Amino acid sequence: MIKSTIEENKSLKKTYKKLAQGEQKITSLLDSNGQEITDQDEILKRIEEFYEQLYASDTETDEPGEPQEEIPNVTNWEVQHAVNQMKRGKSPGPDNVLIDTIKEGGTS
């Protein structure tokens, strides 16, 4: 398999992945100070630490029953004006909706 990969001038990396058997392990990882860790137990501890920090949240959330911030009224004219100000052909925002699609939708 390796010989044919070399002869066909293809990626050896993909071939090695195809040949890999069993469980693949992380062999090295950087700790929070940027130092390389190679011990499997230390690697597991670092992964656990990373995800604890990633998902730790000290942000307070609104409890049910608490007064919510009042949302101001937005008129149809304000929305239409904002949409008209936007340029076509731009990348979508986090909602993945293109402004072109919104403009083609018309008014309602």
PDB file of N, CA and C in Angstrom:
ATOM      1  N   MET A   1       0.821  -1.183   0.000  1.00  0.00           N
ATOM      2  CA  MET A   1       0.000   0.000   0.000  1.00  0.00           C
ATOM      3  C   MET A   1       0.876   1.263   0.000  1.00  0.00           C
ATOM      4  N   ILE A   2       1.928   1.252   0.815  1.00  0.00           N
ATOM      5  CA  ILE A   2       2.835   2.400   0.880  1.00  0.00           C
ATOM      6  C   ILE A   2       3.569   2.566  -0.448  1.00  0.00           C
ATOM      7  N   LYS A   3       3.999   1.435  -1.022  1.00  0.00           N
ATOM      8  CA  LYS A   3       4.710   1.483  -2.293  1.00  0.00           C
ATOM      9  C   LYS A   3       3.828   2.096  -3.382  1.00  0.00           C
ATOM     10  N   SER A   4       2.583   1.674  -3.470  1.00  0.00           N
ATOM     11  CA  SER A   4       1.692   2.216  -4.508  1.00  0.00           C
ATOM     12  C   SER A   4       1.400   3.700  -4.254  1.00  0.00           C
ATOM     13  N   THR A   5       1.325   4.084  -3.002  1.00  0.00           N
ATOM     14  CA  THR A   5       1.104   5.493  -2.673  1.00  0.00           C
ATOM     15  C   THR A   5       2.268   6.338  -3.169  1.00  0.00           C
ATOM     16  N   ILE A   6       3.491   5.861  -2.943  1.00  0.00           N
ATOM     17  CA  ILE A   6       4.678   6.586  -3.390  1.00  0.00           C
ATOM     18  C   ILE A   6       4.726   6.632  -4.915  1.00  0.00           C
ATOM     19  N   GLU A   7       4.448   5.511  -5.551  1.00  0.00           N
ATOM     20  CA  GLU A   7       4.496   5.457  -7.013  1.00  0.00           C
ATOM     21  C   GLU A   7       3.444   6.373  -7.648  1.00  0.00           C
ATOM     22  N   GLU A   8       2.275   6.470  -7.008  1.00  0.00           N
ATOM     23  CA  GLU A   8       1.202   7.305  -7.557  1.00  0.00           C
ATOM     24  C   GLU A   8       1.296   8.756  -7.078  1.00  0.00           C
ATOM     25  N   ASN A   9       2.373   9.042  -6.316  1.00  0.00           N
ATOM     26  CA  ASN A   9       2.629  10.396  -5.819  1.00  0.00           C
ATOM     27  C   ASN A   9       1.445  10.943  -5.011  1.00  0.00           C
ATOM     28  N   LYS A  10       0.940  10.121  -4.089  1.00  0.00           N
ATOM     29  CA  LYS A  10      -0.187  10.524  -3.235  1.00  0.00           C
ATOM     30  C   LYS A  10       0.302  10.772  -1.820  1.00  0.00           C
ATOM     31  N   SER A  11      -0.595  11.119  -0.944  1.00  0.00           N
ATOM     32  CA  SER A  11      -0.265  11.493   0.421  1.00  0.00           C
ATOM     33  C   SER A  11       0.065  10.276   1.291  1.00  0.00           C
ATOM     34  N   LEU A  12       1.269  10.280   1.850  1.00  0.00           N
ATOM     35  CA  LEU A  12       1.656   9.207   2.773  1.00  0.00           C
ATOM     36  C   LEU A  12       0.882   9.304   4.084  1.00  0.00           C
ATOM     37  N   LYS A  13       0.551  10.511   4.477  1.00  0.00           N
ATOM     38  CA  LYS A  13      -0.172  10.717   5.725  1.00  0.00           C
ATOM     39  C   LYS A  13      -1.519   9.972   5.705  1.00  0.00           C
ATOM     40  N   LYS A  14      -2.236  10.070   4.591  1.00  0.00           N
ATOM     41  CA  LYS A  14      -3.520   9.370   4.466  1.00  0.00           C
ATOM     42  C   LYS A  14      -3.322   7.853   4.497  1.00  0.00           C
ATOM     43  N   THR A  15      -2.249   7.393   3.877  1.00  0.00           N
ATOM     44  CA  THR A  15      -1.964   5.955   3.856  1.00  0.00           C
ATOM     45  C   THR A  15      -1.657   5.457   5.255  1.00  0.00           C
ATOM     46  N   TYR A  16      -0.866   6.204   6.005  1.00  0.00           N
ATOM     47  CA  TYR A  16      -0.561   5.809   7.392  1.00  0.00           C
ATOM     48  C   TYR A  16      -1.825   5.750   8.237  1.00  0.00           C
ATOM     49  N   LYS A  17      -2.743   6.686   8.010  1.00  0.00           N
ATOM     50  CA  LYS A  17      -4.005   6.672   8.747  1.00  0.00           C
ATOM     51  C   LYS A  17      -4.830   5.434   8.399  1.00  0.00           C
ATOM     52  N   LYS A  18      -4.805   5.048   7.115  1.00  0.00           N
ATOM     53  CA  LYS A  18      -5.537   3.846   6.696  1.00  0.00           C
ATOM     54  C   LYS A  18      -4.937   2.594   7.334  1.00  0.00           C
ATOM     55  N   LEU A  19      -3.621   2.587   7.488  1.00  0.00           N
ATOM     56  CA  LEU A  19      -2.945   1.423   8.041  1.00  0.00           C
ATOM     57  C   LEU A  19      -3.022   1.351   9.565  1.00  0.00           C
ATOM     58  N   ALA A  20      -3.302   2.471  10.201  1.00  0.00           N
ATOM     59  CA  ALA A  20      -3.339   2.508  11.667  1.00  0.00           C
ATOM     60  C   ALA A  20      -4.415   1.557  12.177  1.00  0.00           C
ATOM     61  N   GLN A  21      -4.056   0.778  13.156  1.00  0.00           N
ATOM     62  CA  GLN A  21      -5.007  -0.164  13.727  1.00  0.00           C
ATOM     63  C   GLN A  21      -5.166   0.133  15.204  1.00  0.00           C
ATOM     64  N   GLY A  22      -6.324  -0.179  15.714  1.00  0.00           N
ATOM     65  CA  GLY A  22      -6.553  -0.019  17.146  1.00  0.00           C
ATOM     66  C   GLY A  22      -6.839   1.413  17.533  1.00  0.00           C
ATOM     67  N   GLU A  23      -6.634   1.682  18.795  1.00  0.00           N
ATOM     68  CA  GLU A  23      -6.947   2.964  19.385  1.00  0.00           C
ATOM     69  C   GLU A  23      -5.845   3.975  19.106  1.00  0.00           C
ATOM     70  N   GLN A  24      -6.211   5.140  18.630  1.00  0.00           N
ATOM     71  CA  GLN A  24      -5.220   6.181  18.424  1.00  0.00           C
ATOM     72  C   GLN A  24      -5.147   7.030  19.688  1.00  0.00           C
ATOM     73  N   LYS A  25      -3.952   7.289  20.165  1.00  0.00           N
ATOM     74  CA  LYS A  25      -3.754   8.052  21.387  1.00  0.00           C
ATOM     75  C   LYS A  25      -3.013   9.342  21.088  1.00  0.00           C
ATOM     76  N   ILE A  26      -3.251  10.315  21.931  1.00  0.00           N
ATOM     77  CA  ILE A  26      -2.504  11.562  21.855  1.00  0.00           C
ATOM     78  C   ILE A  26      -1.146  11.292  22.489  1.00  0.00           C
ATOM     79  N   THR A  27      -0.087  11.525  21.751  1.00  0.00           N
ATOM     80  CA  THR A  27       1.257  11.217  22.262  1.00  0.00           C
ATOM     81  C   THR A  27       1.913  12.387  22.966  1.00  0.00           C
ATOM     82  N   SER A  28       1.486  13.602  22.635  1.00  0.00           N
ATOM     83  CA  SER A  28       2.025  14.773  23.334  1.00  0.00           C
ATOM     84  C   SER A  28       0.997  15.893  23.284  1.00  0.00           C
ATOM     85  N   LEU A  29       1.102  16.768  24.274  1.00  0.00           N
ATOM     86  CA  LEU A  29       0.152  17.853  24.412  1.00  0.00           C
ATOM     87  C   LEU A  29       0.839  18.972  25.184  1.00  0.00           C
ATOM     88  N   LEU A  30       0.437  20.221  24.935  1.00  0.00           N
ATOM     89  CA  LEU A  30       1.022  21.335  25.667  1.00  0.00           C
ATOM     90  C   LEU A  30       0.201  21.610  26.919  1.00  0.00           C
ATOM     91  N   ASP A  31       0.887  21.872  28.028  1.00  0.00           N
ATOM     92  CA  ASP A  31       0.165  22.216  29.260  1.00  0.00           C
ATOM     93  C   ASP A  31      -0.205  23.694  29.224  1.00  0.00           C
ATOM     94  N   SER A  32      -0.802  24.208  30.284  1.00  0.00           N
ATOM     95  CA  SER A  32      -1.268  25.595  30.310  1.00  0.00           C
ATOM     96  C   SER A  32      -0.123  26.594  30.227  1.00  0.00           C
ATOM     97  N   ASN A  33       1.108  26.151  30.507  1.00  0.00           N
ATOM     98  CA  ASN A  33       2.284  27.025  30.408  1.00  0.00           C
ATOM     99  C   ASN A  33       3.016  26.877  29.087  1.00  0.00           C
ATOM    100  N   GLY A  34       2.507  26.028  28.205  1.00  0.00           N
ATOM    101  CA  GLY A  34       3.132  25.832  26.905  1.00  0.00           C
ATOM    102  C   GLY A  34       4.210  24.762  26.885  1.00  0.00           C
ATOM    103  N   GLN A  35       4.358  24.026  27.987  1.00  0.00           N
ATOM    104  CA  GLN A  35       5.353  22.957  28.061  1.00  0.00           C
ATOM    105  C   GLN A  35       4.748  21.658  27.541  1.00  0.00           C
ATOM    106  N   GLU A  36       5.548  20.881  26.822  1.00  0.00           N
ATOM    107  CA  GLU A  36       5.063  19.625  26.242  1.00  0.00           C
ATOM    108  C   GLU A  36       4.928  18.535  27.311  1.00  0.00           C
ATOM    109  N   ILE A  37       3.800  17.836  27.256  1.00  0.00           N
ATOM    110  CA  ILE A  37       3.537  16.716  28.161  1.00  0.00           C
ATOM    111  C   ILE A  37       3.499  15.454  27.299  1.00  0.00           C
ATOM    112  N   THR A  38       4.176  14.390  27.748  1.00  0.00           N
ATOM    113  CA  THR A  38       4.145  13.129  27.005  1.00  0.00           C
ATOM    114  C   THR A  38       3.598  11.978  27.840  1.00  0.00           C
ATOM    115  N   ASP A  39       3.504  12.131  29.144  1.00  0.00           N
ATOM    116  CA  ASP A  39       2.983  11.091  30.019  1.00  0.00           C
ATOM    117  C   ASP A  39       1.460  11.005  29.842  1.00  0.00           C
ATOM    118  N   GLN A  40       0.928   9.810  29.574  1.00  0.00           N
ATOM    119  CA  GLN A  40      -0.500   9.637  29.298  1.00  0.00           C
ATOM    120  C   GLN A  40      -1.379  10.107  30.454  1.00  0.00           C
ATOM    121  N   ASP A  41      -0.983   9.835  31.690  1.00  0.00           N
ATOM    122  CA  ASP A  41      -1.784  10.279  32.830  1.00  0.00           C
ATOM    123  C   ASP A  41      -1.831  11.805  32.908  1.00  0.00           C
ATOM    124  N   GLU A  42      -0.700  12.439  32.648  1.00  0.00           N
ATOM    125  CA  GLU A  42      -0.641  13.902  32.667  1.00  0.00           C
ATOM    126  C   GLU A  42      -1.458  14.493  31.509  1.00  0.00           C
ATOM    127  N   ILE A  43      -1.418  13.835  30.364  1.00  0.00           N
ATOM    128  CA  ILE A  43      -2.200  14.282  29.208  1.00  0.00           C
ATOM    129  C   ILE A  43      -3.692  14.238  29.548  1.00  0.00           C
ATOM    130  N   LEU A  44      -4.134  13.149  30.164  1.00  0.00           N
ATOM    131  CA  LEU A  44      -5.545  13.027  30.549  1.00  0.00           C
ATOM    132  C   LEU A  44      -5.946  14.102  31.563  1.00  0.00           C
ATOM    133  N   LYS A  45      -5.056  14.382  32.513  1.00  0.00           N
ATOM    134  CA  LYS A  45      -5.333  15.429  33.501  1.00  0.00           C
ATOM    135  C   LYS A  45      -5.460  16.788  32.813  1.00  0.00           C
ATOM    136  N   ARG A  46      -4.572  17.058  31.849  1.00  0.00           N
ATOM    137  CA  ARG A  46      -4.599  18.341  31.133  1.00  0.00           C
ATOM    138  C   ARG A  46      -5.880  18.476  30.315  1.00  0.00           C
ATOM    139  N   ILE A  47      -6.323  17.394  29.679  1.00  0.00           N
ATOM    140  CA  ILE A  47      -7.563  17.425  28.900  1.00  0.00           C
ATOM    141  C   ILE A  47      -8.746  17.713  29.826  1.00  0.00           C
ATOM    142  N   GLU A  48      -8.771  17.051  30.962  1.00  0.00           N
ATOM    143  CA  GLU A  48      -9.839  17.275  31.940  1.00  0.00           C
ATOM    144  C   GLU A  48      -9.836  18.729  32.409  1.00  0.00           C
ATOM    145  N   GLU A  49      -8.652  19.255  32.715  1.00  0.00           N
ATOM    146  CA  GLU A  49      -8.506  20.642  33.149  1.00  0.00           C
ATOM    147  C   GLU A  49      -8.996  21.609  32.070  1.00  0.00           C
ATOM    148  N   PHE A  50      -8.632  21.324  30.816  1.00  0.00           N
ATOM    149  CA  PHE A  50      -9.035  22.178  29.697  1.00  0.00           C
ATOM    150  C   PHE A  50     -10.553  22.264  29.599  1.00  0.00           C
ATOM    151  N   TYR A  51     -11.223  21.107  29.638  1.00  0.00           N
ATOM    152  CA  TYR A  51     -12.675  21.116  29.489  1.00  0.00           C
ATOM    153  C   TYR A  51     -13.385  21.690  30.714  1.00  0.00           C
ATOM    154  N   GLU A  52     -12.809  21.543  31.895  1.00  0.00           N
ATOM    155  CA  GLU A  52     -13.392  22.171  33.076  1.00  0.00           C
ATOM    156  C   GLU A  52     -13.345  23.689  32.933  1.00  0.00           C
ATOM    157  N   GLN A  53     -12.222  24.219  32.445  1.00  0.00           N
ATOM    158  CA  GLN A  53     -12.099  25.662  32.243  1.00  0.00           C
ATOM    159  C   GLN A  53     -13.013  26.137  31.115  1.00  0.00           C
ATOM    160  N   LEU A  54     -13.105  25.325  30.066  1.00  0.00           N
ATOM    161  CA  LEU A  54     -13.918  25.699  28.915  1.00  0.00           C
ATOM    162  C   LEU A  54     -15.390  25.832  29.289  1.00  0.00           C
ATOM    163  N   TYR A  55     -15.888  24.881  30.076  1.00  0.00           N
ATOM    164  CA  TYR A  55     -17.314  24.865  30.388  1.00  0.00           C
ATOM    165  C   TYR A  55     -17.652  25.509  31.723  1.00  0.00           C
ATOM    166  N   ALA A  56     -16.650  25.986  32.452  1.00  0.00           N
ATOM    167  CA  ALA A  56     -16.928  26.681  33.703  1.00  0.00           C
ATOM    168  C   ALA A  56     -17.555  28.026  33.363  1.00  0.00           C
ATOM    169  N   SER A  57     -18.567  28.388  34.103  1.00  0.00           N
ATOM    170  CA  SER A  57     -19.224  29.651  33.837  1.00  0.00           C
ATOM    171  C   SER A  57     -19.505  30.357  35.144  1.00  0.00           C
ATOM    172  N   ASP A  58     -19.066  31.590  35.230  1.00  0.00           N
ATOM    173  CA  ASP A  58     -19.401  32.372  36.400  1.00  0.00           C
ATOM    174  C   ASP A  58     -20.422  33.451  36.043  1.00  0.00           C
ATOM    175  N   THR A  59     -21.007  33.300  34.854  1.00  0.00           N
ATOM    176  CA  THR A  59     -22.016  34.237  34.396  1.00  0.00           C
ATOM    177  C   THR A  59     -23.346  33.900  35.047  1.00  0.00           C
ATOM    178  N   GLU A  60     -23.963  34.919  35.623  1.00  0.00           N
ATOM    179  CA  GLU A  60     -25.257  34.703  36.238  1.00  0.00           C
ATOM    180  C   GLU A  60     -26.330  34.691  35.163  1.00  0.00           C
ATOM    181  N   THR A  61     -27.284  33.807  35.309  1.00  0.00           N
ATOM    182  CA  THR A  61     -28.396  33.749  34.375  1.00  0.00           C
ATOM    183  C   THR A  61     -29.639  34.277  35.066  1.00  0.00           C
ATOM    184  N   ASP A  62     -30.571  34.736  34.269  1.00  0.00           N
ATOM    185  CA  ASP A  62     -31.824  35.231  34.831  1.00  0.00           C
ATOM    186  C   ASP A  62     -32.634  34.066  35.361  1.00  0.00           C
ATOM    187  N   GLU A  63     -33.065  34.191  36.568  1.00  0.00           N
ATOM    188  CA  GLU A  63     -33.909  33.163  37.168  1.00  0.00           C
ATOM    189  C   GLU A  63     -35.341  33.392  36.708  1.00  0.00           C
ATOM    190  N   PRO A  64     -36.108  32.312  36.551  1.00  0.00           N
ATOM    191  CA  PRO A  64     -37.513  32.491  36.185  1.00  0.00           C
ATOM    192  C   PRO A  64     -38.205  33.373  37.218  1.00  0.00           C
ATOM    193  N   GLY A  65     -39.043  34.272  36.747  1.00  0.00           N
ATOM    194  CA  GLY A  65     -39.762  35.143  37.652  1.00  0.00           C
ATOM    195  C   GLY A  65     -39.072  36.478  37.866  1.00  0.00           C
ATOM    196  N   GLU A  66     -37.784  36.587  37.528  1.00  0.00           N
ATOM    197  CA  GLU A  66     -37.101  37.868  37.664  1.00  0.00           C
ATOM    198  C   GLU A  66     -37.530  38.780  36.520  1.00  0.00           C
ATOM    199  N   PRO A  67     -37.608  40.067  36.762  1.00  0.00           N
ATOM    200  CA  PRO A  67     -38.004  40.973  35.678  1.00  0.00           C
ATOM    201  C   PRO A  67     -36.950  40.981  34.573  1.00  0.00           C
ATOM    202  N   GLN A  68     -37.397  40.884  33.359  1.00  0.00           N
ATOM    203  CA  GLN A  68     -36.514  40.892  32.200  1.00  0.00           C
ATOM    204  C   GLN A  68     -36.317  42.333  31.732  1.00  0.00           C
ATOM    205  N   GLU A  69     -35.208  42.559  31.041  1.00  0.00           N
ATOM    206  CA  GLU A  69     -34.961  43.880  30.473  1.00  0.00           C
ATOM    207  C   GLU A  69     -36.020  44.143  29.411  1.00  0.00           C
ATOM    208  N   GLU A  70     -36.562  45.341  29.430  1.00  0.00           N
ATOM    209  CA  GLU A  70     -37.629  45.665  28.498  1.00  0.00           C
ATOM    210  C   GLU A  70     -37.055  45.850  27.096  1.00  0.00           C
ATOM    211  N   ILE A  71     -37.690  45.229  26.123  1.00  0.00           N
ATOM    212  CA  ILE A  71     -37.254  45.321  24.729  1.00  0.00           C
ATOM    213  C   ILE A  71     -37.992  46.490  24.092  1.00  0.00           C
ATOM    214  N   PRO A  72     -37.257  47.432  23.494  1.00  0.00           N
ATOM    215  CA  PRO A  72     -37.941  48.590  22.888  1.00  0.00           C
ATOM    216  C   PRO A  72     -38.736  48.169  21.653  1.00  0.00           C
ATOM    217  N   ASN A  73     -39.786  48.914  21.375  1.00  0.00           N
ATOM    218  CA  ASN A  73     -40.591  48.649  20.176  1.00  0.00           C
ATOM    219  C   ASN A  73     -39.787  49.044  18.944  1.00  0.00           C
ATOM    220  N   VAL A  74     -39.856  48.224  17.907  1.00  0.00           N
ATOM    221  CA  VAL A  74     -39.169  48.492  16.647  1.00  0.00           C
ATOM    222  C   VAL A  74     -40.235  48.571  15.573  1.00  0.00           C
ATOM    223  N   THR A  75     -40.215  49.640  14.815  1.00  0.00           N
ATOM    224  CA  THR A  75     -41.239  49.820  13.787  1.00  0.00           C
ATOM    225  C   THR A  75     -40.822  49.120  12.496  1.00  0.00           C
ATOM    226  N   ASN A  76     -41.816  48.855  11.642  1.00  0.00           N
ATOM    227  CA  ASN A  76     -41.537  48.254  10.338  1.00  0.00           C
ATOM    228  C   ASN A  76     -40.608  49.151   9.523  1.00  0.00           C
ATOM    229  N   TRP A  77     -40.810  50.474   9.634  1.00  0.00           N
ATOM    230  CA  TRP A  77     -39.977  51.407   8.889  1.00  0.00           C
ATOM    231  C   TRP A  77     -38.511  51.271   9.300  1.00  0.00           C
ATOM    232  N   GLU A  78     -38.235  51.128  10.602  1.00  0.00           N
ATOM    233  CA  GLU A  78     -36.862  51.001  11.091  1.00  0.00           C
ATOM    234  C   GLU A  78     -36.195  49.741  10.547  1.00  0.00           C
ATOM    235  N   VAL A  79     -36.942  48.646  10.516  1.00  0.00           N
ATOM    236  CA  VAL A  79     -36.397  47.391   9.988  1.00  0.00           C
ATOM    237  C   VAL A  79     -36.126  47.531   8.498  1.00  0.00           C
ATOM    238  N   GLN A  80     -37.096  48.078   7.757  1.00  0.00           N
ATOM    239  CA  GLN A  80     -36.937  48.244   6.310  1.00  0.00           C
ATOM    240  C   GLN A  80     -35.758  49.167   6.003  1.00  0.00           C
ATOM    241  N   HIS A  81     -35.611  50.225   6.746  1.00  0.00           N
ATOM    242  CA  HIS A  81     -34.496  51.155   6.544  1.00  0.00           C
ATOM    243  C   HIS A  81     -33.160  50.456   6.797  1.00  0.00           C
ATOM    244  N   ALA A  82     -33.070  49.660   7.879  1.00  0.00           N
ATOM    245  CA  ALA A  82     -31.831  48.946   8.202  1.00  0.00           C
ATOM    246  C   ALA A  82     -31.478  47.943   7.104  1.00  0.00           C
ATOM    247  N   VAL A  83     -32.478  47.216   6.604  1.00  0.00           N
ATOM    248  CA  VAL A  83     -32.237  46.229   5.543  1.00  0.00           C
ATOM    249  C   VAL A  83     -31.777  46.941   4.274  1.00  0.00           C
ATOM    250  N   ASN A  84     -32.390  48.058   3.939  1.00  0.00           N
ATOM    251  CA  ASN A  84     -32.001  48.798   2.733  1.00  0.00           C
ATOM    252  C   ASN A  84     -30.572  49.328   2.816  1.00  0.00           C
ATOM    253  N   GLN A  85     -30.078  49.589   4.020  1.00  0.00           N
ATOM    254  CA  GLN A  85     -28.723  50.093   4.213  1.00  0.00           C
ATOM    255  C   GLN A  85     -27.665  49.002   4.003  1.00  0.00           C
ATOM    256  N   MET A  86     -28.071  47.741   4.121  1.00  0.00           N
ATOM    257  CA  MET A  86     -27.119  46.630   4.015  1.00  0.00           C
ATOM    258  C   MET A  86     -26.768  46.353   2.562  1.00  0.00           C
ATOM    259  N   LYS A  87     -25.494  46.018   2.325  1.00  0.00           N
ATOM    260  CA  LYS A  87     -25.017  45.753   0.969  1.00  0.00           C
ATOM    261  C   LYS A  87     -25.215  44.289   0.605  1.00  0.00           C
ATOM    262  N   ARG A  88     -25.528  44.056  -0.646  1.00  0.00           N
ATOM    263  CA  ARG A  88     -25.678  42.685  -1.156  1.00  0.00           C
ATOM    264  C   ARG A  88     -24.308  42.040  -1.311  1.00  0.00           C
ATOM    265  N   GLY A  89     -24.278  40.699  -1.318  1.00  0.00           N
ATOM    266  CA  GLY A  89     -23.051  39.960  -1.591  1.00  0.00           C
ATOM    267  C   GLY A  89     -22.120  39.818  -0.404  1.00  0.00           C
ATOM    268  N   LYS A  90     -22.576  40.172   0.770  1.00  0.00           N
ATOM    269  CA  LYS A  90     -21.736  40.041   1.970  1.00  0.00           C
ATOM    270  C   LYS A  90     -21.960  38.679   2.612  1.00  0.00           C
ATOM    271  N   SER A  91     -20.992  38.239   3.421  1.00  0.00           N
ATOM    272  CA  SER A  91     -21.150  36.940   4.081  1.00  0.00           C
ATOM    273  C   SER A  91     -22.234  37.012   5.146  1.00  0.00           C
ATOM    274  N   PRO A  92     -22.850  35.856   5.401  1.00  0.00           N
ATOM    275  CA  PRO A  92     -23.933  35.832   6.384  1.00  0.00           C
ATOM    276  C   PRO A  92     -23.396  35.967   7.806  1.00  0.00           C
ATOM    277  N   GLY A  93     -24.276  36.320   8.698  1.00  0.00           N
ATOM    278  CA  GLY A  93     -23.920  36.409  10.109  1.00  0.00           C
ATOM    279  C   GLY A  93     -24.047  35.049  10.770  1.00  0.00           C
ATOM    280  N   PRO A  94     -24.136  35.022  12.097  1.00  0.00           N
ATOM    281  CA  PRO A  94     -24.214  33.745  12.825  1.00  0.00           C
ATOM    282  C   PRO A  94     -25.459  32.928  12.484  1.00  0.00           C
ATOM    283  N   ASP A  95     -26.495  33.597  11.947  1.00  0.00           N
ATOM    284  CA  ASP A  95     -27.711  32.864  11.589  1.00  0.00           C
ATOM    285  C   ASP A  95     -27.620  32.226  10.204  1.00  0.00           C
ATOM    286  N   ASN A  96     -26.518  32.478   9.470  1.00  0.00           N
ATOM    287  CA  ASN A  96     -26.271  31.929   8.124  1.00  0.00           C
ATOM    288  C   ASN A  96     -27.310  32.357   7.090  1.00  0.00           C
ATOM    289  N   VAL A  97     -27.962  33.496   7.318  1.00  0.00           N
ATOM    290  CA  VAL A  97     -28.925  34.019   6.354  1.00  0.00           C
ATOM    291  C   VAL A  97     -28.266  35.167   5.604  1.00  0.00           C
ATOM    292  N   LEU A  98     -28.230  35.065   4.282  1.00  0.00           N
ATOM    293  CA  LEU A  98     -27.638  36.110   3.457  1.00  0.00           C
ATOM    294  C   LEU A  98     -28.571  37.310   3.383  1.00  0.00           C
ATOM    295  N   ILE A  99     -28.010  38.526   3.340  1.00  0.00           N
ATOM    296  CA  ILE A  99     -28.838  39.728   3.204  1.00  0.00           C
ATOM    297  C   ILE A  99     -29.581  39.693   1.880  1.00  0.00           C
ATOM    298  N   ASP A 100     -28.977  39.069   0.851  1.00  0.00           N
ATOM    299  CA  ASP A 100     -29.654  38.944  -0.443  1.00  0.00           C
ATOM    300  C   ASP A 100     -30.992  38.228  -0.277  1.00  0.00           C
ATOM    301  N   THR A 101     -31.019  37.179   0.543  1.00  0.00           N
ATOM    302  CA  THR A 101     -32.229  36.415   0.775  1.00  0.00           C
ATOM    303  C   THR A 101     -33.276  37.283   1.471  1.00  0.00           C
ATOM    304  N   ILE A 102     -32.847  38.048   2.439  1.00  0.00           N
ATOM    305  CA  ILE A 102     -33.779  38.926   3.171  1.00  0.00           C
ATOM    306  C   ILE A 102     -34.354  39.984   2.226  1.00  0.00           C
ATOM    307  N   LYS A 103     -33.491  40.586   1.397  1.00  0.00           N
ATOM    308  CA  LYS A 103     -33.963  41.610   0.462  1.00  0.00           C
ATOM    309  C   LYS A 103     -34.913  41.034  -0.578  1.00  0.00           C
ATOM    310  N   GLU A 104     -34.675  39.815  -1.039  1.00  0.00           N
ATOM    311  CA  GLU A 104     -35.553  39.189  -2.030  1.00  0.00           C
ATOM    312  C   GLU A 104     -36.908  38.830  -1.429  1.00  0.00           C
ATOM    313  N   GLY A 105     -36.963  38.711  -0.109  1.00  0.00           N
ATOM    314  CA  GLY A 105     -38.211  38.367   0.564  1.00  0.00           C
ATOM    315  C   GLY A 105     -39.257  39.446   0.460  1.00  0.00           C
ATOM    316  N   GLY A 106     -38.837  40.664   0.201  1.00  0.00           N
ATOM    317  CA  GLY A 106     -39.786  41.767   0.070  1.00  0.00           C
ATOM    318  C   GLY A 106     -40.268  42.264   1.415  1.00  0.00           C
ATOM    319  N   THR A 107     -41.294  43.080   1.379  1.00  0.00           N
ATOM    320  CA  THR A 107     -41.846  43.649   2.603  1.00  0.00           C
ATOM    321  C   THR A 107     -43.136  42.933   2.966  1.00  0.00           C
ATOM    322  N   SER A 108     -43.425  42.899   4.236  1.00  0.00           N
ATOM    323  CA  SER A 108     -44.713  42.355   4.655  1.00  0.00           C
ATOM    324  C   SER A 108     -45.133  42.940   5.978  1.00  0.00           C
TER     325      SER A 108
END
